[in-house]
Amino acid sequence: MERLVSDVKKLKNSEISLLVKARISEFKKRREASEEEIFKELCFCLLTANFSAKEGIRIQNALNDGFIYLPREELENRLRELGHRYPRVRAEYIVEARKLLGKLKSEISRKDPRVLREWLVKNVKGLGYKEASHLLRNVGFENVAIIDFHILDLLERYGVIKKPKTLTRRRYLEIEDKLRKIAELSGTSLGELDLYLWYLETGKILK
């Protein structure tokens, strides 16, 4: 853990920190966005499960309001055209998630993020802990961790964890506690830490 904390601190003292701060600022502003914009961010997070975040951004930009109004079959066809790996299932998830339109902004504004994460996982089909945490971070919450295979690989390489075969809720929360400790030691929030870890693993700052 000490070596990882040291490498995060080095990034924090480099020009990369400017990109991280700018991205975190964008996320915080998004919490004040419209109901529809927050819903589209939810759809982006549904797309990224077992898929590339970079490609998810591309598809989100291409579809935009289509997440809200396209019929299921048409949405599935567009996802297929745009190259998503699971167009049928993701279209089903997105159409089903539309039942939350009108509720998302109020839920996000009044709940503790960890309570809200449980609510999202329970109420949005296809949204696990990683995807729910991703949505929360992307609308300005900084105290939940996005634990995907990139982060697991990096943590194992630094000797922080032994990569689990399956990521249960209990294991997710255990690893999140380790990341919280790394964030404390490196003087970052969990939201900032995720961006630094992503940069260490991929050389990119996405969302």
C-alpha atoms as a PDB file:
ATOM      1  CA  MET A   1       0.000   0.000   0.000  1.00  0.00           C
ATOM      2  CA  GLU A   2       2.848   2.411   0.793  1.00  0.00           C
ATOM      3  CA  ARG A   3       4.215   2.204  -2.757  1.00  0.00           C
ATOM      4  CA  LEU A   4       0.795   2.945  -4.247  1.00  0.00           C
ATOM      5  CA  VAL A   5       0.265   5.876  -1.879  1.00  0.00           C
ATOM      6  CA  SER A   6       3.655   7.219  -2.927  1.00  0.00           C
ATOM      7  CA  ASP A   7       2.821   6.954  -6.641  1.00  0.00           C
ATOM      8  CA  VAL A   8      -0.550   8.661  -6.142  1.00  0.00           C
ATOM      9  CA  LYS A   9       1.158  11.496  -4.255  1.00  0.00           C
ATOM     10  CA  LYS A  10       3.602  11.930  -7.154  1.00  0.00           C
ATOM     11  CA  LEU A  11       0.680  12.302  -9.573  1.00  0.00           C
ATOM     12  CA  LYS A  12      -1.038  14.666  -7.174  1.00  0.00           C
ATOM     13  CA  ASN A  13       2.044  16.892  -7.311  1.00  0.00           C
ATOM     14  CA  SER A  14       2.221  16.762 -11.117  1.00  0.00           C
ATOM     15  CA  GLU A  15       0.275  18.433 -13.927  1.00  0.00           C
ATOM     16  CA  ILE A  16      -2.117  15.453 -13.909  1.00  0.00           C
ATOM     17  CA  SER A  17      -3.693  16.941 -10.775  1.00  0.00           C
ATOM     18  CA  LEU A  18      -5.017  19.843 -12.880  1.00  0.00           C
ATOM     19  CA  LEU A  19      -6.901  17.388 -15.099  1.00  0.00           C
ATOM     20  CA  VAL A  20      -8.230  15.541 -12.062  1.00  0.00           C
ATOM     21  CA  LYS A  21      -9.451  18.739 -10.391  1.00  0.00           C
ATOM     22  CA  ALA A  22     -11.099  19.894 -13.622  1.00  0.00           C
ATOM     23  CA  ARG A  23     -12.898  16.571 -14.030  1.00  0.00           C
ATOM     24  CA  ILE A  24     -14.096  16.572 -10.398  1.00  0.00           C
ATOM     25  CA  SER A  25     -15.414  20.105 -10.911  1.00  0.00           C
ATOM     26  CA  GLU A  26     -17.365  18.900 -13.967  1.00  0.00           C
ATOM     27  CA  PHE A  27     -18.874  16.067 -11.930  1.00  0.00           C
ATOM     28  CA  LYS A  28     -20.023  18.416  -9.159  1.00  0.00           C
ATOM     29  CA  LYS A  29     -21.715  20.729 -11.659  1.00  0.00           C
ATOM     30  CA  ARG A  30     -23.569  17.752 -13.162  1.00  0.00           C
ATOM     31  CA  ARG A  31     -25.454  17.207  -9.887  1.00  0.00           C
ATOM     32  CA  GLU A  32     -27.292  20.458 -10.655  1.00  0.00           C
ATOM     33  CA  ALA A  33     -28.147  19.300 -14.185  1.00  0.00           C
ATOM     34  CA  SER A  34     -31.669  18.480 -15.362  1.00  0.00           C
ATOM     35  CA  GLU A  35     -33.446  15.220 -14.591  1.00  0.00           C
ATOM     36  CA  GLU A  36     -32.881  14.158 -18.209  1.00  0.00           C
ATOM     37  CA  GLU A  37     -29.148  14.821 -18.112  1.00  0.00           C
ATOM     38  CA  ILE A  38     -28.764  12.793 -14.914  1.00  0.00           C
ATOM     39  CA  PHE A  39     -30.788   9.981 -16.501  1.00  0.00           C
ATOM     40  CA  LYS A  40     -28.478  10.000 -19.541  1.00  0.00           C
ATOM     41  CA  GLU A  41     -25.527   9.655 -17.163  1.00  0.00           C
ATOM     42  CA  LEU A  42     -27.289   6.671 -15.586  1.00  0.00           C
ATOM     43  CA  CYS A  43     -27.628   5.163 -19.069  1.00  0.00           C
ATOM     44  CA  PHE A  44     -23.911   5.704 -19.687  1.00  0.00           C
ATOM     45  CA  CYS A  45     -23.141   3.754 -16.512  1.00  0.00           C
ATOM     46  CA  LEU A  46     -25.465   0.945 -17.633  1.00  0.00           C
ATOM     47  CA  LEU A  47     -23.556   0.807 -20.926  1.00  0.00           C
ATOM     48  CA  THR A  48     -20.128   0.523 -19.297  1.00  0.00           C
ATOM     49  CA  ALA A  49     -20.785  -2.752 -17.436  1.00  0.00           C
ATOM     50  CA  ASN A  50     -18.425  -5.304 -19.045  1.00  0.00           C
ATOM     51  CA  PHE A  51     -17.697  -2.722 -21.712  1.00  0.00           C
ATOM     52  CA  SER A  52     -15.229   0.077 -22.417  1.00  0.00           C
ATOM     53  CA  ALA A  53     -15.765   3.435 -20.711  1.00  0.00           C
ATOM     54  CA  LYS A  54     -14.265   5.167 -23.749  1.00  0.00           C
ATOM     55  CA  GLU A  55     -16.718   3.418 -26.067  1.00  0.00           C
ATOM     56  CA  GLY A  56     -19.540   4.116 -23.617  1.00  0.00           C
ATOM     57  CA  ILE A  57     -18.783   7.846 -23.863  1.00  0.00           C
ATOM     58  CA  ARG A  58     -18.838   7.631 -27.668  1.00  0.00           C
ATOM     59  CA  ILE A  59     -22.212   5.870 -27.676  1.00  0.00           C
ATOM     60  CA  GLN A  60     -23.638   8.257 -25.072  1.00  0.00           C
ATOM     61  CA  ASN A  61     -22.698  11.223 -27.244  1.00  0.00           C
ATOM     62  CA  ALA A  62     -24.195   9.582 -30.321  1.00  0.00           C
ATOM     63  CA  LEU A  63     -27.505   8.616 -28.704  1.00  0.00           C
ATOM     64  CA  ASN A  64     -28.003  11.591 -26.365  1.00  0.00           C
ATOM     65  CA  ASP A  65     -31.802  12.083 -25.990  1.00  0.00           C
ATOM     66  CA  GLY A  66     -32.399   8.730 -27.663  1.00  0.00           C
ATOM     67  CA  PHE A  67     -31.895   7.171 -24.243  1.00  0.00           C
ATOM     68  CA  ILE A  68     -35.143   8.860 -23.212  1.00  0.00           C
ATOM     69  CA  TYR A  69     -37.480   8.459 -26.184  1.00  0.00           C
ATOM     70  CA  LEU A  70     -36.352   5.676 -28.547  1.00  0.00           C
ATOM     71  CA  PRO A  71     -38.570   2.556 -28.528  1.00  0.00           C
ATOM     72  CA  ARG A  72     -36.801  -0.540 -27.208  1.00  0.00           C
ATOM     73  CA  GLU A  73     -36.267  -2.186 -30.603  1.00  0.00           C
ATOM     74  CA  GLU A  74     -34.945   0.997 -32.183  1.00  0.00           C
ATOM     75  CA  LEU A  75     -32.662   1.607 -29.204  1.00  0.00           C
ATOM     76  CA  GLU A  76     -31.357  -1.950 -29.500  1.00  0.00           C
ATOM     77  CA  ASN A  77     -30.674  -1.443 -33.211  1.00  0.00           C
ATOM     78  CA  ARG A  78     -28.844   1.827 -32.575  1.00  0.00           C
ATOM     79  CA  LEU A  79     -26.719   0.223 -29.845  1.00  0.00           C
ATOM     80  CA  ARG A  80     -25.881  -2.598 -32.253  1.00  0.00           C
ATOM     81  CA  GLU A  81     -24.972  -0.139 -35.029  1.00  0.00           C
ATOM     82  CA  LEU A  82     -22.782   1.779 -32.607  1.00  0.00           C
ATOM     83  CA  GLY A  83     -20.908  -1.378 -31.623  1.00  0.00           C
ATOM     84  CA  HIS A  84     -22.098  -2.180 -28.119  1.00  0.00           C
ATOM     85  CA  ARG A  85     -21.378  -5.765 -27.051  1.00  0.00           C
ATOM     86  CA  TYR A  86     -24.808  -6.333 -25.503  1.00  0.00           C
ATOM     87  CA  PRO A  87     -27.336  -4.228 -27.439  1.00  0.00           C
ATOM     88  CA  ARG A  88     -30.473  -6.214 -26.576  1.00  0.00           C
ATOM     89  CA  VAL A  89     -29.891  -6.468 -22.828  1.00  0.00           C
ATOM     90  CA  ARG A  90     -28.689  -2.889 -22.444  1.00  0.00           C
ATOM     91  CA  ALA A  91     -31.689  -1.583 -24.391  1.00  0.00           C
ATOM     92  CA  GLU A  92     -33.966  -3.519 -22.033  1.00  0.00           C
ATOM     93  CA  TYR A  93     -32.197  -2.099 -18.969  1.00  0.00           C
ATOM     94  CA  ILE A  94     -32.384   1.468 -20.264  1.00  0.00           C
ATOM     95  CA  VAL A  95     -36.079   1.258 -21.184  1.00  0.00           C
ATOM     96  CA  GLU A  96     -36.894  -0.249 -17.783  1.00  0.00           C
ATOM     97  CA  ALA A  97     -34.865   2.462 -16.021  1.00  0.00           C
ATOM     98  CA  ARG A  98     -37.125   5.119 -17.573  1.00  0.00           C
ATOM     99  CA  LYS A  99     -39.568   4.444 -14.721  1.00  0.00           C
ATOM    100  CA  LEU A 100     -37.160   6.495 -12.562  1.00  0.00           C
ATOM    101  CA  LEU A 101     -37.457   9.613 -14.715  1.00  0.00           C
ATOM    102  CA  GLY A 102     -38.887  12.270 -12.441  1.00  0.00           C
ATOM    103  CA  LYS A 103     -37.374  10.705  -9.313  1.00  0.00           C
ATOM    104  CA  LEU A 104     -33.620  10.629  -9.918  1.00  0.00           C
ATOM    105  CA  LYS A 105     -32.746  14.250  -9.202  1.00  0.00           C
ATOM    106  CA  SER A 106     -34.721  14.360  -5.964  1.00  0.00           C
ATOM    107  CA  GLU A 107     -33.232  11.060  -4.774  1.00  0.00           C
ATOM    108  CA  ILE A 108     -29.709  12.229  -5.541  1.00  0.00           C
ATOM    109  CA  SER A 109     -30.238  15.559  -3.779  1.00  0.00           C
ATOM    110  CA  ARG A 110     -31.455  14.161  -0.472  1.00  0.00           C
ATOM    111  CA  LYS A 111     -29.736  10.846   0.213  1.00  0.00           C
ATOM    112  CA  ASP A 112     -26.375   9.921   1.706  1.00  0.00           C
ATOM    113  CA  PRO A 113     -24.371   8.469  -1.214  1.00  0.00           C
ATOM    114  CA  ARG A 114     -23.881   5.064   0.347  1.00  0.00           C
ATOM    115  CA  VAL A 115     -27.600   4.819   1.110  1.00  0.00           C
ATOM    116  CA  LEU A 116     -28.334   6.079  -2.394  1.00  0.00           C
ATOM    117  CA  ARG A 117     -26.038   3.421  -3.872  1.00  0.00           C
ATOM    118  CA  GLU A 118     -28.087   0.705  -2.170  1.00  0.00           C
ATOM    119  CA  TRP A 119     -31.274   2.311  -3.532  1.00  0.00           C
ATOM    120  CA  LEU A 120     -29.850   2.416  -7.067  1.00  0.00           C
ATOM    121  CA  VAL A 121     -28.689  -1.208  -6.989  1.00  0.00           C
ATOM    122  CA  LYS A 122     -32.123  -2.266  -5.748  1.00  0.00           C
ATOM    123  CA  ASN A 123     -34.140  -0.161  -8.190  1.00  0.00           C
ATOM    124  CA  VAL A 124     -32.134  -0.162 -11.431  1.00  0.00           C
ATOM    125  CA  LYS A 125     -31.863  -3.499 -13.193  1.00  0.00           C
ATOM    126  CA  GLY A 126     -28.342  -4.008 -14.550  1.00  0.00           C
ATOM    127  CA  LEU A 127     -26.742  -1.552 -12.125  1.00  0.00           C
ATOM    128  CA  GLY A 128     -24.322  -3.208  -9.703  1.00  0.00           C
ATOM    129  CA  TYR A 129     -22.144  -1.602  -7.054  1.00  0.00           C
ATOM    130  CA  LYS A 130     -19.487  -0.571  -9.550  1.00  0.00           C
ATOM    131  CA  GLU A 131     -21.953   1.056 -11.946  1.00  0.00           C
ATOM    132  CA  ALA A 132     -23.953   2.723  -9.156  1.00  0.00           C
ATOM    133  CA  SER A 133     -20.718   4.102  -7.676  1.00  0.00           C
ATOM    134  CA  HIS A 134     -19.718   5.325 -11.144  1.00  0.00           C
ATOM    135  CA  LEU A 135     -22.990   7.236 -11.492  1.00  0.00           C
ATOM    136  CA  LEU A 136     -22.623   8.785  -8.049  1.00  0.00           C
ATOM    137  CA  ARG A 137     -19.052   9.893  -8.716  1.00  0.00           C
ATOM    138  CA  ASN A 138     -20.120  11.324 -12.085  1.00  0.00           C
ATOM    139  CA  VAL A 139     -22.752  13.494 -10.390  1.00  0.00           C
ATOM    140  CA  GLY A 140     -20.362  14.865  -7.800  1.00  0.00           C
ATOM    141  CA  PHE A 141     -20.177  12.419  -4.890  1.00  0.00           C
ATOM    142  CA  GLU A 142     -16.570  11.787  -3.905  1.00  0.00           C
ATOM    143  CA  ASN A 143     -16.826   9.194  -1.124  1.00  0.00           C
ATOM    144  CA  VAL A 144     -17.675   6.002  -3.022  1.00  0.00           C
ATOM    145  CA  ALA A 145     -15.221   3.843  -4.977  1.00  0.00           C
ATOM    146  CA  ILE A 146     -15.575   2.569  -8.546  1.00  0.00           C
ATOM    147  CA  ILE A 147     -14.039  -0.904  -8.430  1.00  0.00           C
ATOM    148  CA  ASP A 148     -13.659  -2.434 -11.886  1.00  0.00           C
ATOM    149  CA  PHE A 149     -11.149  -4.887 -13.318  1.00  0.00           C
ATOM    150  CA  HIS A 150      -8.642  -2.098 -14.063  1.00  0.00           C
ATOM    151  CA  ILE A 151      -8.627  -1.091 -10.394  1.00  0.00           C
ATOM    152  CA  LEU A 152      -8.524  -4.716  -9.192  1.00  0.00           C
ATOM    153  CA  ASP A 153      -5.556  -5.472 -11.468  1.00  0.00           C
ATOM    154  CA  LEU A 154      -3.720  -2.395 -10.228  1.00  0.00           C
ATOM    155  CA  LEU A 155      -4.389  -3.130  -6.550  1.00  0.00           C
ATOM    156  CA  GLU A 156      -3.168  -6.707  -6.981  1.00  0.00           C
ATOM    157  CA  ARG A 157      -0.046  -5.544  -8.781  1.00  0.00           C
ATOM    158  CA  TYR A 158       0.763  -3.223  -5.883  1.00  0.00           C
ATOM    159  CA  GLY A 159       0.155  -6.029  -3.398  1.00  0.00           C
ATOM    160  CA  VAL A 160      -2.851  -4.342  -1.779  1.00  0.00           C
ATOM    161  CA  ILE A 161      -5.268  -7.206  -2.470  1.00  0.00           C
ATOM    162  CA  LYS A 162      -5.463 -10.649  -4.002  1.00  0.00           C
ATOM    163  CA  LYS A 163      -7.848 -10.246  -6.936  1.00  0.00           C
ATOM    164  CA  PRO A 164     -11.151 -12.004  -6.140  1.00  0.00           C
ATOM    165  CA  LYS A 165     -12.739 -14.416  -8.610  1.00  0.00           C
ATOM    166  CA  THR A 166     -16.110 -12.794  -7.990  1.00  0.00           C
ATOM    167  CA  LEU A 167     -16.837  -9.371  -6.522  1.00  0.00           C
ATOM    168  CA  THR A 168     -19.610  -9.879  -3.967  1.00  0.00           C
ATOM    169  CA  ARG A 169     -21.147  -6.983  -2.065  1.00  0.00           C
ATOM    170  CA  ARG A 170     -19.105  -7.867   1.030  1.00  0.00           C
ATOM    171  CA  ARG A 171     -15.853  -8.054  -0.939  1.00  0.00           C
ATOM    172  CA  TYR A 172     -16.656  -4.822  -2.767  1.00  0.00           C
ATOM    173  CA  LEU A 173     -17.098  -2.970   0.506  1.00  0.00           C
ATOM    174  CA  GLU A 174     -13.908  -4.500   1.950  1.00  0.00           C
ATOM    175  CA  ILE A 175     -11.877  -3.306  -1.038  1.00  0.00           C
ATOM    176  CA  GLU A 176     -13.590   0.076  -0.873  1.00  0.00           C
ATOM    177  CA  ASP A 177     -12.368   0.387   2.736  1.00  0.00           C
ATOM    178  CA  LYS A 178      -8.799  -0.279   1.555  1.00  0.00           C
ATOM    179  CA  LEU A 179      -9.187   2.379  -1.125  1.00  0.00           C
ATOM    180  CA  ARG A 180     -10.578   4.777   1.487  1.00  0.00           C
ATOM    181  CA  LYS A 181      -7.415   4.240   3.534  1.00  0.00           C
ATOM    182  CA  ILE A 182      -5.232   4.890   0.463  1.00  0.00           C
ATOM    183  CA  ALA A 183      -7.226   8.070  -0.214  1.00  0.00           C
ATOM    184  CA  GLU A 184      -6.692   9.269   3.364  1.00  0.00           C
ATOM    185  CA  LEU A 185      -2.952   8.568   3.234  1.00  0.00           C
ATOM    186  CA  SER A 186      -2.534  10.270  -0.131  1.00  0.00           C
ATOM    187  CA  GLY A 187      -4.691  13.287   0.771  1.00  0.00           C
ATOM    188  CA  THR A 188      -7.362  12.688  -1.864  1.00  0.00           C
ATOM    189  CA  SER A 189     -11.050  11.879  -1.951  1.00  0.00           C
ATOM    190  CA  LEU A 190     -12.178   8.486  -3.266  1.00  0.00           C
ATOM    191  CA  GLY A 191     -13.458  10.247  -6.391  1.00  0.00           C
ATOM    192  CA  GLU A 192     -10.076  11.849  -7.050  1.00  0.00           C
ATOM    193  CA  LEU A 193      -8.244   8.640  -6.186  1.00  0.00           C
ATOM    194  CA  ASP A 194     -10.197   6.718  -8.823  1.00  0.00           C
ATOM    195  CA  LEU A 195      -9.016   9.137 -11.514  1.00  0.00           C
ATOM    196  CA  TYR A 196      -5.395   8.876 -10.352  1.00  0.00           C
ATOM    197  CA  LEU A 197      -5.599   5.066 -10.278  1.00  0.00           C
ATOM    198  CA  TRP A 198      -7.154   5.016 -13.734  1.00  0.00           C
ATOM    199  CA  TYR A 199      -4.287   7.160 -14.961  1.00  0.00           C
ATOM    200  CA  LEU A 200      -1.737   4.813 -13.374  1.00  0.00           C
ATOM    201  CA  GLU A 201      -3.387   1.829 -15.049  1.00  0.00           C
ATOM    202  CA  THR A 202      -4.388   3.268 -18.462  1.00  0.00           C
ATOM    203  CA  GLY A 203      -2.584   6.590 -18.896  1.00  0.00           C
ATOM    204  CA  LYS A 204      -5.973   8.300 -19.365  1.00  0.00           C
ATOM    205  CA  ILE A 205      -8.355  10.531 -17.447  1.00  0.00           C
ATOM    206  CA  LEU A 206     -11.901   9.694 -18.573  1.00  0.00           C
ATOM    207  CA  LYS A 207     -15.093   9.764 -16.512  1.00  0.00           C
END
